Amino acid sequence: MDRLMHLRERLGESPEIVALVTLLVVFIFFALAAPNFLTAYALSNILTFASVFGIVVVGVAFLMISGEFDLSVGSVLAVGGYVYLLSLLAGAHPLLGMLLALVICAFLGLINGLIVVLTGIPSFIATLGTLLAYRGIVRAMGGGQSTAYTPETKPVLFTFLNAYITPINQLFEPAGTFRVSSLWFTGLVIVMSVVLMRTRHGNWTFAVGGNPGAALSQGVNVKRIKLINFVQSSFFAGLAGVILFAQRSAMNELIGQGLELTAVAAAVIGGVSLSGGSGTIIGAALGMLLLSMLEQGLVLMGVTNEVFRGVVGVMVIVSVVFNTYLKR
């Protein structure tokens, strides 16, 4: 009994362990059941999908730990991609266009934060509204059709954002599709994990999400912490949009649609509490890798996308129940 209680306490302190074990179990299952799963092509596809959208999950998870939600990230991702595209079509320098896209996306996050902290409207409702509003901006920029960027020579910056890592891909037969986005994702997870666990802002984020009243009484500027995390969430969504555009060189109005639910699901599966005050960036990243692996594995097994969504729904419910049990 004592060993069980000790294990429960350890898991409650390190929720990412549960996500890691689940990831390993799912990996072994698909390695045995899914044709061609253990190929560089399939595994690199998993990592590529998880990397781009995992950047969004990092920001969403950080915000959730502070007790708030951002359902507008899918729309913000599309705004970032479109701003970058239109900047390039207008003749702007690629780096300047990227900076413009990131600044605009950060500003959209600031709007989200101001609505929440100044009005007291629950962030779930506030960002549900901005999700629709920002998607309207995307439709206005897109003009109802897909838009491509087709220069004679692609900007060098695209190589640093999301080009193929050719030396690694050529090591395999068939070749893999590993991209630079995996390096961005890995670096961002490491940096933001350090920020969350080792800095004053990270400590205050936990405090605000766990008990905002107590945090306020200790001198923490609760509104400022939430504002920073809203801006950060949208900034990362914009960065993911820019990286995704660098990969595809085209945008359409549906890009990023539904990503907000995937991001929340990945964070929850990775051990981030829906009520705030608990979770890790590494756990959220593992949650995104798990969802990407599930989708790729089920596709290889010939299972429909509807089944994938059903599996994700069940995993979210189980994760919430299990994490609630660990914290009692």
Protein backbone atom coordinates (compact mmCIF):
# COMPACT_ATOMS: atom_id res chain seq x y z
CA MET A 1 0.00 0.00 0.00
CA ASP A 2 2.82 2.38 0.92
CA ARG A 3 4.58 1.61 -2.37
CA LEU A 4 1.39 2.37 -4.28
CA MET A 5 0.99 5.69 -2.51
CA HIS A 6 4.64 6.53 -3.17
CA LEU A 7 4.23 5.71 -6.86
CA ARG A 8 1.09 7.84 -7.01
CA GLU A 9 2.94 10.79 -5.47
CA ARG A 10 5.85 10.42 -7.91
CA LEU A 11 3.52 10.31 -10.90
CA GLY A 12 1.61 13.31 -9.57
CA GLU A 13 4.87 15.27 -9.37
CA SER A 14 6.01 14.14 -12.85
CA PRO A 15 2.92 13.76 -15.10
CA GLU A 16 5.13 13.55 -18.18
CA ILE A 17 6.19 10.06 -17.09
CA VAL A 18 2.66 8.78 -17.79
CA ALA A 19 2.74 10.40 -21.25
CA LEU A 20 6.16 8.86 -21.95
CA VAL A 21 5.03 5.36 -20.94
CA THR A 22 1.89 5.72 -23.06
CA LEU A 23 3.99 6.87 -26.00
CA LEU A 24 6.24 3.83 -25.71
CA VAL A 25 3.28 1.45 -25.48
CA VAL A 26 1.64 2.97 -28.56
CA PHE A 27 4.96 2.87 -30.42
CA ILE A 28 5.40 -0.84 -29.70
CA PHE A 29 1.81 -1.55 -30.74
CA PHE A 30 2.14 0.16 -34.12
CA ALA A 31 5.61 -1.34 -34.66
CA LEU A 32 3.94 -4.74 -34.45
CA ALA A 33 0.58 -3.99 -36.08
CA ALA A 34 1.09 -1.22 -38.68
CA PRO A 35 2.81 -2.02 -42.01
CA ASN A 36 5.90 0.09 -42.74
CA PHE A 37 5.65 1.91 -39.40
CA LEU A 38 9.32 1.31 -38.58
CA THR A 39 10.57 3.12 -41.68
CA ALA A 40 12.39 6.43 -41.74
CA TYR A 41 9.65 7.82 -43.98
CA ALA A 42 6.84 7.06 -41.51
CA LEU A 43 8.77 8.09 -38.40
CA SER A 44 9.97 11.34 -39.98
CA ASN A 45 6.40 12.17 -40.99
CA ILE A 46 5.36 11.73 -37.37
CA LEU A 47 8.11 14.06 -36.20
CA THR A 48 7.43 16.67 -38.90
CA PHE A 49 3.72 16.89 -38.07
CA ALA A 50 4.38 16.94 -34.34
CA SER A 51 7.12 19.57 -34.68
CA VAL A 52 5.17 22.27 -36.48
CA PHE A 53 2.01 21.95 -34.44
CA GLY A 54 3.99 21.11 -31.32
CA ILE A 55 5.33 24.66 -31.37
CA VAL A 56 1.74 25.80 -30.91
CA VAL A 57 1.21 23.26 -28.11
CA VAL A 58 4.15 24.71 -26.16
CA GLY A 59 2.47 28.11 -25.98
CA VAL A 60 -0.97 26.66 -25.26
CA ALA A 61 0.40 24.46 -22.46
CA PHE A 62 2.23 27.38 -20.84
CA LEU A 63 -0.97 29.41 -20.89
CA MET A 64 -3.06 26.52 -19.53
CA ILE A 65 -0.67 26.16 -16.59
CA SER A 66 -1.45 29.79 -15.75
CA GLY A 67 -5.15 28.88 -15.70
CA GLU A 68 -6.30 30.16 -19.10
CA PHE A 69 -7.19 28.78 -22.55
CA ASP A 70 -6.48 30.01 -26.06
CA LEU A 71 -8.84 28.60 -28.67
CA SER A 72 -7.74 31.10 -31.31
CA VAL A 73 -4.31 29.57 -32.02
CA GLY A 74 -5.41 27.81 -35.22
CA SER A 75 -6.67 31.07 -36.67
CA VAL A 76 -3.58 32.96 -35.46
CA LEU A 77 -1.36 30.37 -37.16
CA ALA A 78 -3.17 31.03 -40.43
CA VAL A 79 -2.88 34.81 -39.95
CA GLY A 80 0.87 34.46 -39.42
CA GLY A 81 1.27 32.38 -42.56
CA TYR A 82 -0.84 34.74 -44.67
CA VAL A 83 0.91 37.89 -43.43
CA TYR A 84 4.25 36.33 -44.33
CA LEU A 85 2.94 35.26 -47.75
CA LEU A 86 1.46 38.65 -48.60
CA SER A 87 4.61 40.42 -47.39
CA LEU A 88 6.74 38.35 -49.74
CA LEU A 89 4.33 38.91 -52.63
CA ALA A 90 4.58 42.65 -51.94
CA GLY A 91 8.35 42.47 -52.29
CA ALA A 92 9.34 42.66 -48.62
CA HIS A 93 12.60 41.12 -47.44
CA PRO A 94 11.89 37.58 -46.11
CA LEU A 95 13.26 38.39 -42.65
CA LEU A 96 11.25 41.60 -42.44
CA GLY A 97 8.11 39.74 -43.54
CA MET A 98 8.68 37.12 -40.87
CA LEU A 99 9.15 39.75 -38.16
CA LEU A 100 5.98 41.52 -39.30
CA ALA A 101 3.99 38.28 -39.12
CA LEU A 102 5.27 37.50 -35.62
CA VAL A 103 4.57 41.01 -34.33
CA ILE A 104 1.01 40.96 -35.68
CA CYS A 105 0.36 37.52 -34.16
CA ALA A 106 1.76 38.67 -30.81
CA PHE A 107 -0.59 41.68 -31.00
CA LEU A 108 -3.53 39.34 -31.56
CA GLY A 109 -2.47 37.51 -28.42
CA LEU A 110 -2.36 40.81 -26.56
CA ILE A 111 -5.94 41.46 -27.66
CA ASN A 112 -6.94 38.05 -26.29
CA GLY A 113 -5.26 38.78 -22.98
CA LEU A 114 -6.71 42.27 -22.61
CA ILE A 115 -10.23 40.99 -23.24
CA VAL A 116 -9.80 38.39 -20.49
CA VAL A 117 -8.02 40.44 -17.82
CA LEU A 118 -10.00 43.67 -18.31
CA THR A 119 -13.50 42.21 -18.63
CA GLY A 120 -13.26 39.04 -16.57
CA ILE A 121 -14.80 37.02 -19.41
CA PRO A 122 -13.66 33.37 -19.23
CA SER A 123 -10.82 32.82 -21.67
CA PHE A 124 -12.65 29.86 -23.18
CA ILE A 125 -15.44 32.19 -24.33
CA ALA A 126 -13.24 35.16 -25.17
CA THR A 127 -10.89 33.18 -27.41
CA LEU A 128 -13.77 31.29 -28.96
CA GLY A 129 -14.94 34.68 -30.17
CA THR A 130 -11.51 35.74 -31.40
CA LEU A 131 -11.11 32.36 -33.10
CA LEU A 132 -14.00 33.31 -35.35
CA ALA A 133 -12.88 36.93 -35.70
CA TYR A 134 -9.30 36.03 -36.64
CA ARG A 135 -10.54 33.36 -39.06
CA GLY A 136 -12.54 36.15 -40.71
CA ILE A 137 -9.28 38.08 -41.14
CA VAL A 138 -7.77 35.00 -42.76
CA ARG A 139 -10.68 34.74 -45.19
CA ALA A 140 -10.34 38.42 -46.05
CA MET A 141 -6.62 38.03 -46.76
CA GLY A 142 -7.13 34.81 -48.70
CA GLY A 143 -9.90 36.18 -50.88
CA GLY A 144 -11.65 32.82 -51.01
CA GLN A 145 -8.88 30.94 -52.77
CA SER A 146 -5.49 29.33 -52.15
CA THR A 147 -2.47 31.56 -52.73
CA ALA A 148 1.00 30.33 -53.61
CA TYR A 149 4.44 31.94 -53.54
CA THR A 150 6.43 30.78 -56.55
CA PRO A 151 9.67 32.76 -56.99
CA GLU A 152 12.41 31.53 -59.30
CA THR A 153 14.60 30.95 -56.23
CA LYS A 154 13.19 30.42 -52.77
CA PRO A 155 14.56 32.67 -50.01
CA VAL A 156 17.54 31.31 -48.08
CA LEU A 157 15.55 31.93 -44.89
CA PHE A 158 13.20 29.10 -45.89
CA THR A 159 16.12 26.70 -45.54
CA PHE A 160 16.62 27.72 -41.91
CA LEU A 161 12.90 27.62 -41.17
CA ASN A 162 11.82 24.23 -42.49
CA ALA A 163 13.97 22.70 -45.22
CA TYR A 164 14.70 18.99 -45.49
CA ILE A 165 17.70 17.79 -43.49
CA THR A 166 19.13 16.09 -46.57
CA PRO A 167 22.26 14.47 -45.05
CA ILE A 168 20.10 12.62 -42.52
CA ASN A 169 17.31 11.75 -44.95
CA GLN A 170 19.75 10.19 -47.42
CA LEU A 171 20.97 7.76 -44.79
CA PHE A 172 17.79 5.74 -45.23
CA GLU A 173 16.15 3.75 -48.01
CA PRO A 174 13.51 4.83 -48.74
CA ALA A 175 14.66 8.32 -47.77
CA GLY A 176 13.22 10.04 -44.73
CA THR A 177 11.53 13.43 -44.62
CA PHE A 178 13.18 14.92 -41.56
CA ARG A 179 12.92 18.72 -41.56
CA VAL A 180 14.49 21.66 -39.74
CA SER A 181 11.19 22.21 -37.91
CA SER A 182 12.10 19.28 -35.64
CA LEU A 183 15.15 21.27 -34.48
CA TRP A 184 13.02 24.35 -33.82
CA PHE A 185 10.56 22.25 -31.86
CA THR A 186 13.23 20.50 -29.78
CA GLY A 187 15.04 23.74 -28.99
CA LEU A 188 11.83 25.51 -28.07
CA VAL A 189 10.73 22.69 -25.75
CA ILE A 190 14.09 22.82 -23.95
CA VAL A 191 14.13 26.61 -23.61
CA MET A 192 10.53 26.93 -22.45
CA SER A 193 10.95 24.03 -20.02
CA VAL A 194 13.81 25.92 -18.42
CA VAL A 195 11.74 29.12 -18.35
CA LEU A 196 8.83 27.30 -16.70
CA MET A 197 10.83 25.33 -14.14
CA ARG A 198 13.82 27.57 -13.42
CA THR A 199 12.74 31.21 -13.68
CA ARG A 200 10.64 33.61 -11.67
CA HIS A 201 8.13 33.94 -14.50
CA GLY A 202 7.67 30.17 -14.53
CA ASN A 203 7.16 30.05 -10.76
CA TRP A 204 4.64 32.85 -10.99
CA THR A 205 2.86 31.04 -13.84
CA PHE A 206 2.37 28.00 -11.59
CA ALA A 207 1.24 30.25 -8.74
CA VAL A 208 -1.28 32.17 -10.86
CA GLY A 209 -2.75 28.96 -12.27
CA GLY A 210 -2.87 27.18 -8.93
CA ASN A 211 -4.34 29.95 -6.78
CA PRO A 212 -4.51 33.44 -8.31
CA GLY A 213 -5.81 34.97 -5.07
CA ALA A 214 -2.88 33.66 -3.07
CA ALA A 215 -0.46 34.70 -5.80
CA LEU A 216 -1.88 38.22 -5.76
CA SER A 217 -1.53 38.42 -1.98
CA GLN A 218 2.15 37.51 -2.37
CA GLY A 219 2.72 40.44 -4.72
CA VAL A 220 2.48 38.61 -8.05
CA ASN A 221 1.00 40.75 -10.83
CA VAL A 222 -1.57 38.17 -11.95
CA LYS A 223 -2.87 40.19 -14.89
CA ARG A 224 0.60 40.82 -16.27
CA ILE A 225 1.55 37.13 -16.07
CA LYS A 226 -1.60 36.15 -17.96
CA LEU A 227 -1.06 38.87 -20.55
CA ILE A 228 2.50 37.71 -21.19
CA ASN A 229 1.36 34.11 -21.60
CA PHE A 230 -1.45 35.08 -23.99
CA VAL A 231 1.03 37.03 -26.12
CA GLN A 232 3.46 34.12 -25.96
CA SER A 233 0.80 31.65 -27.06
CA SER A 234 -0.10 33.65 -30.15
CA PHE A 235 3.55 34.39 -30.92
CA PHE A 236 4.31 30.66 -31.05
CA ALA A 237 1.21 30.06 -33.17
CA GLY A 238 2.44 32.72 -35.58
CA LEU A 239 5.90 31.16 -35.64
CA ALA A 240 4.34 27.79 -36.50
CA GLY A 241 2.39 29.49 -39.30
CA VAL A 242 5.56 31.01 -40.75
CA ILE A 243 7.41 27.69 -40.54
CA LEU A 244 4.50 25.84 -42.13
CA PHE A 245 4.40 28.36 -44.97
CA ALA A 246 8.14 27.97 -45.50
CA GLN A 247 7.46 24.26 -46.02
CA ARG A 248 4.46 24.57 -48.36
CA SER A 249 5.01 27.98 -50.02
CA ALA A 250 1.22 28.29 -50.16
CA MET A 251 -1.68 29.14 -47.88
CA ASN A 252 -5.39 28.49 -47.84
CA GLU A 253 -8.19 29.58 -45.55
CA LEU A 254 -8.57 26.18 -43.86
CA ILE A 255 -5.01 25.88 -42.57
CA GLY A 256 -4.97 25.60 -38.79
CA GLN A 257 -8.70 24.90 -38.51
CA GLY A 258 -9.32 22.60 -35.55
CA LEU A 259 -5.75 22.96 -34.28
CA GLU A 260 -6.95 24.58 -31.05
CA LEU A 261 -8.63 21.34 -29.95
CA THR A 262 -5.60 19.27 -30.94
CA ALA A 263 -3.33 21.57 -28.92
CA VAL A 264 -5.50 21.36 -25.80
CA ALA A 265 -5.82 17.59 -26.19
CA ALA A 266 -2.04 17.18 -26.52
CA ALA A 267 -1.43 19.30 -23.44
CA VAL A 268 -3.99 17.40 -21.37
CA ILE A 269 -2.69 14.00 -22.51
CA GLY A 270 0.77 15.24 -21.54
CA GLY A 271 -0.35 15.94 -17.99
CA VAL A 272 -1.25 19.66 -18.08
CA SER A 273 -4.14 20.37 -15.72
CA LEU A 274 -7.32 21.84 -17.18
CA SER A 275 -7.74 23.91 -14.01
CA GLY A 276 -4.21 25.32 -14.14
CA GLY A 277 -1.26 25.23 -11.78
CA SER A 278 0.18 21.91 -12.92
CA GLY A 279 1.94 20.45 -15.93
CA THR A 280 5.18 20.49 -17.89
CA ILE A 281 6.25 21.56 -21.36
CA ILE A 282 7.98 18.23 -21.93
CA GLY A 283 4.74 16.41 -21.10
CA ALA A 284 2.78 18.55 -23.56
CA ALA A 285 5.40 17.88 -26.26
CA LEU A 286 5.13 14.14 -25.62
CA GLY A 287 1.36 14.48 -25.89
CA MET A 288 1.73 16.04 -29.33
CA LEU A 289 4.14 13.31 -30.42
CA LEU A 290 1.66 10.72 -29.20
CA LEU A 291 -1.21 12.24 -31.22
CA SER A 292 0.97 12.44 -34.33
CA MET A 293 2.04 8.82 -33.87
CA LEU A 294 -1.57 7.72 -33.42
CA GLU A 295 -2.66 9.42 -36.61
CA GLN A 296 0.23 8.05 -38.69
CA GLY A 297 -0.13 4.55 -37.26
CA LEU A 298 -3.86 4.38 -37.84
CA VAL A 299 -3.44 5.64 -41.41
CA LEU A 300 -0.92 2.88 -42.10
CA MET A 301 -3.42 0.37 -40.70
CA GLY A 302 -6.13 1.71 -43.02
CA VAL A 303 -8.26 3.16 -40.23
CA THR A 304 -10.43 6.21 -40.99
CA ASN A 305 -9.83 9.66 -39.54
CA GLU A 306 -13.10 9.45 -37.60
CA VAL A 307 -11.69 6.57 -35.56
CA PHE A 308 -8.58 8.62 -34.83
CA ARG A 309 -10.71 11.44 -33.43
CA GLY A 310 -12.62 8.97 -31.32
CA VAL A 311 -9.40 7.54 -29.90
CA VAL A 312 -8.15 11.04 -29.09
CA GLY A 313 -11.41 11.82 -27.30
CA VAL A 314 -11.13 8.72 -25.15
CA MET A 315 -7.49 9.49 -24.35
CA VAL A 316 -8.36 13.01 -23.22
CA ILE A 317 -11.06 11.74 -20.86
CA VAL A 318 -8.81 9.02 -19.45
CA SER A 319 -5.96 11.53 -19.01
CA VAL A 320 -8.14 13.99 -17.12
CA VAL A 321 -9.55 11.28 -14.84
CA PHE A 322 -6.11 9.81 -14.17
CA ASN A 323 -4.43 13.16 -13.53
CA THR A 324 -7.26 14.17 -11.18
CA TYR A 325 -6.75 10.91 -9.27
CA LEU A 326 -3.00 11.56 -8.96
CA LYS A 327 -3.54 15.04 -7.54
CA ARG A 328 -6.00 14.01 -4.82
